Structures are given as C-alpha cells and as structure tokens.
C-alpha atoms as a PDB file:
ATOM      1  CA  UNK A   1     -28.058   5.032  -3.299  1.00  0.00           C
ATOM      2  CA  UNK A   2     -25.032   2.750  -3.099  1.00  0.00           C
ATOM      3  CA  UNK A   3     -21.863   4.363  -1.850  1.00  0.00           C
ATOM      4  CA  UNK A   4     -19.337   1.839  -3.159  1.00  0.00           C
ATOM      5  CA  UNK A   5     -19.255  -1.138  -5.429  1.00  0.00           C
ATOM      6  CA  UNK A   6     -19.217  -4.463  -3.551  1.00  0.00           C
ATOM      7  CA  UNK A   7     -15.671  -5.312  -4.677  1.00  0.00           C
ATOM      8  CA  UNK A   8     -14.316  -2.111  -3.085  1.00  0.00           C
ATOM      9  CA  UNK A   9     -14.936  -3.183   0.514  1.00  0.00           C
ATOM     10  CA  UNK A  10     -12.097  -5.763   0.724  1.00  0.00           C
ATOM     11  CA  UNK A  11      -9.740  -3.192  -0.794  1.00  0.00           C
ATOM     12  CA  UNK A  12     -10.751  -0.600   1.789  1.00  0.00           C
ATOM     13  CA  UNK A  13     -10.347  -3.080   4.650  1.00  0.00           C
ATOM     14  CA  UNK A  14      -6.947  -4.169   3.332  1.00  0.00           C
ATOM     15  CA  UNK A  15      -5.772  -0.572   2.990  1.00  0.00           C
ATOM     16  CA  UNK A  16      -6.962   0.178   6.522  1.00  0.00           C
ATOM     17  CA  UNK A  17      -5.163  -2.887   7.909  1.00  0.00           C
ATOM     18  CA  UNK A  18      -1.960  -1.977   6.050  1.00  0.00           C
ATOM     19  CA  UNK A  19      -2.102   1.594   7.345  1.00  0.00           C
ATOM     20  CA  UNK A  20      -2.659   0.545  10.944  1.00  0.00           C
ATOM     21  CA  UNK A  21       0.098  -2.074  10.702  1.00  0.00           C
ATOM     22  CA  UNK A  22       2.586   0.391   9.239  1.00  0.00           C
ATOM     23  CA  UNK A  23       1.763   2.970  11.922  1.00  0.00           C
ATOM     24  CA  UNK A  24       2.195   0.428  14.710  1.00  0.00           C
ATOM     25  CA  UNK A  25       5.476  -0.921  13.332  1.00  0.00           C
ATOM     26  CA  UNK A  26       6.802   2.608  12.796  1.00  0.00           C
ATOM     27  CA  UNK A  27       5.905   3.536  16.381  1.00  0.00           C
ATOM     28  CA  UNK A  28       7.513   0.373  17.706  1.00  0.00           C
ATOM     29  CA  UNK A  29      10.737   1.017  15.789  1.00  0.00           C
ATOM     30  CA  UNK A  30      10.874   4.628  16.952  1.00  0.00           C
ATOM     31  CA  UNK A  31      10.317   3.745  20.607  1.00  0.00           C
ATOM     32  CA  UNK A  32      12.390   0.580  20.930  1.00  0.00           C
ATOM     33  CA  UNK A  33      15.292   1.123  18.544  1.00  0.00           C
ATOM     34  CA  UNK A  34      17.948   3.777  18.204  1.00  0.00           C
ATOM     35  CA  UNK A  35      16.533   5.235  15.010  1.00  0.00           C
ATOM     36  CA  UNK A  36      14.466   8.330  14.418  1.00  0.00           C
ATOM     37  CA  UNK A  37      10.799   8.167  13.506  1.00  0.00           C
ATOM     38  CA  UNK A  38      11.448   9.308   9.918  1.00  0.00           C
ATOM     39  CA  UNK A  39      13.995   6.549   9.433  1.00  0.00           C
ATOM     40  CA  UNK A  40      11.518   4.026  10.787  1.00  0.00           C
ATOM     41  CA  UNK A  41       8.887   5.264   8.359  1.00  0.00           C
ATOM     42  CA  UNK A  42      11.325   4.838   5.483  1.00  0.00           C
ATOM     43  CA  UNK A  43      12.168   1.300   6.552  1.00  0.00           C
ATOM     44  CA  UNK A  44       8.502   0.360   6.958  1.00  0.00           C
ATOM     45  CA  UNK A  45       7.424   1.900   3.640  1.00  0.00           C
ATOM     46  CA  UNK A  46      10.280   0.203   1.776  1.00  0.00           C
ATOM     47  CA  UNK A  47       9.470  -3.094   3.440  1.00  0.00           C
ATOM     48  CA  UNK A  48       5.778  -2.860   2.592  1.00  0.00           C
ATOM     49  CA  UNK A  49       6.616  -2.009  -1.018  1.00  0.00           C
ATOM     50  CA  UNK A  50       8.911  -5.049  -1.186  1.00  0.00           C
ATOM     51  CA  UNK A  51       6.129  -7.189   0.297  1.00  0.00           C
ATOM     52  CA  UNK A  52       3.742  -5.904  -2.372  1.00  0.00           C
ATOM     53  CA  UNK A  53       6.108  -6.903  -5.179  1.00  0.00           C
ATOM     54  CA  UNK A  54       6.730 -10.327  -3.583  1.00  0.00           C
ATOM     55  CA  UNK A  55       2.994 -10.980  -3.198  1.00  0.00           C
ATOM     56  CA  UNK A  56       2.372  -9.845  -6.773  1.00  0.00           C
ATOM     57  CA  UNK A  57       5.010 -12.282  -8.053  1.00  0.00           C
ATOM     58  CA  UNK A  58       3.861 -15.138  -5.801  1.00  0.00           C
ATOM     59  CA  UNK A  59       0.233 -15.189  -6.978  1.00  0.00           C
ATOM     60  CA  UNK A  60      -0.061 -15.314 -10.778  1.00  0.00           C
ATOM     61  CA  UNK A  61      -2.741 -13.143 -12.334  1.00  0.00           C
ATOM     62  CA  UNK A  62      -3.508 -11.380 -15.595  1.00  0.00           C
ATOM     63  CA  UNK A  63      -2.564  -7.997 -14.079  1.00  0.00           C
ATOM     64  CA  UNK A  64       0.597  -6.241 -15.197  1.00  0.00           C
ATOM     65  CA  UNK A  65       3.142  -4.763 -12.798  1.00  0.00           C
ATOM     66  CA  UNK A  66       3.426  -1.333 -14.475  1.00  0.00           C
ATOM     67  CA  UNK A  67      -0.036  -0.001 -13.434  1.00  0.00           C
ATOM     68  CA  UNK A  68       0.538  -1.301  -9.911  1.00  0.00           C
ATOM     69  CA  UNK A  69       3.895   0.469  -9.630  1.00  0.00           C
ATOM     70  CA  UNK A  70       3.148   3.673 -11.519  1.00  0.00           C
ATOM     71  CA  UNK A  71      -0.641   3.975 -11.487  1.00  0.00           C
ATOM     72  CA  UNK A  72      -2.948   4.047 -14.468  1.00  0.00           C
ATOM     73  CA  UNK A  73      -1.796   7.297 -16.070  1.00  0.00           C
ATOM     74  CA  UNK A  74      -3.255   6.583 -19.543  1.00  0.00           C
ATOM     75  CA  UNK A  75      -6.607   5.952 -17.882  1.00  0.00           C
ATOM     76  CA  UNK A  76      -6.636   9.353 -16.136  1.00  0.00           C
ATOM     77  CA  UNK A  77      -9.048  11.793 -17.688  1.00  0.00           C
ATOM     78  CA  UNK A  78      -9.650  15.527 -17.221  1.00  0.00           C
ATOM     79  CA  UNK A  79     -12.093  14.830 -14.375  1.00  0.00           C
ATOM     80  CA  UNK A  80      -9.266  13.129 -12.440  1.00  0.00           C
ATOM     81  CA  UNK A  81      -6.901  16.103 -12.608  1.00  0.00           C
END
C-alpha cells in the first residue's frame, strides 16, 4: 500500500522547511528585537506570503493565482467538509 503519491514528497519537504524556517525566524525576532512574539509571527507570515507571490510571478506556469490564494473551493466536495 502506497501512502502518498510520488509528487507529494517534495511538497511535504518544502512545507516542513518553510515551517521550520518561520519558527526559527519568529524565535529570533522575539529574542533579539524589541517586539513581542505575536508581532514577530505576523511579520514572518506576511513576509512568507509576499515571498510566495513573488516566486509565483517570477516563474511562469499554467497555474492561476486564485486557487493558490483562496484554495480550490469549487473542487471541494461533501467528503472534504
């Protein structure tokens, strides 16, 4: 029995790397700057979202920006709710 499709592994590794990076940067900002941890999380999340949009615009593909920003709501079925 296969747990995941082969194309899912790079996505999982990328999500893990992004999560670890955001946690480390948030911790660094909270410890070494005069801002609270929640403010640091907001700055890091906003920065990572901006990086996502920049990377999406920098590498042309056939994907549209709406599903990336808002999810695939028309593709959600009753089993997803």
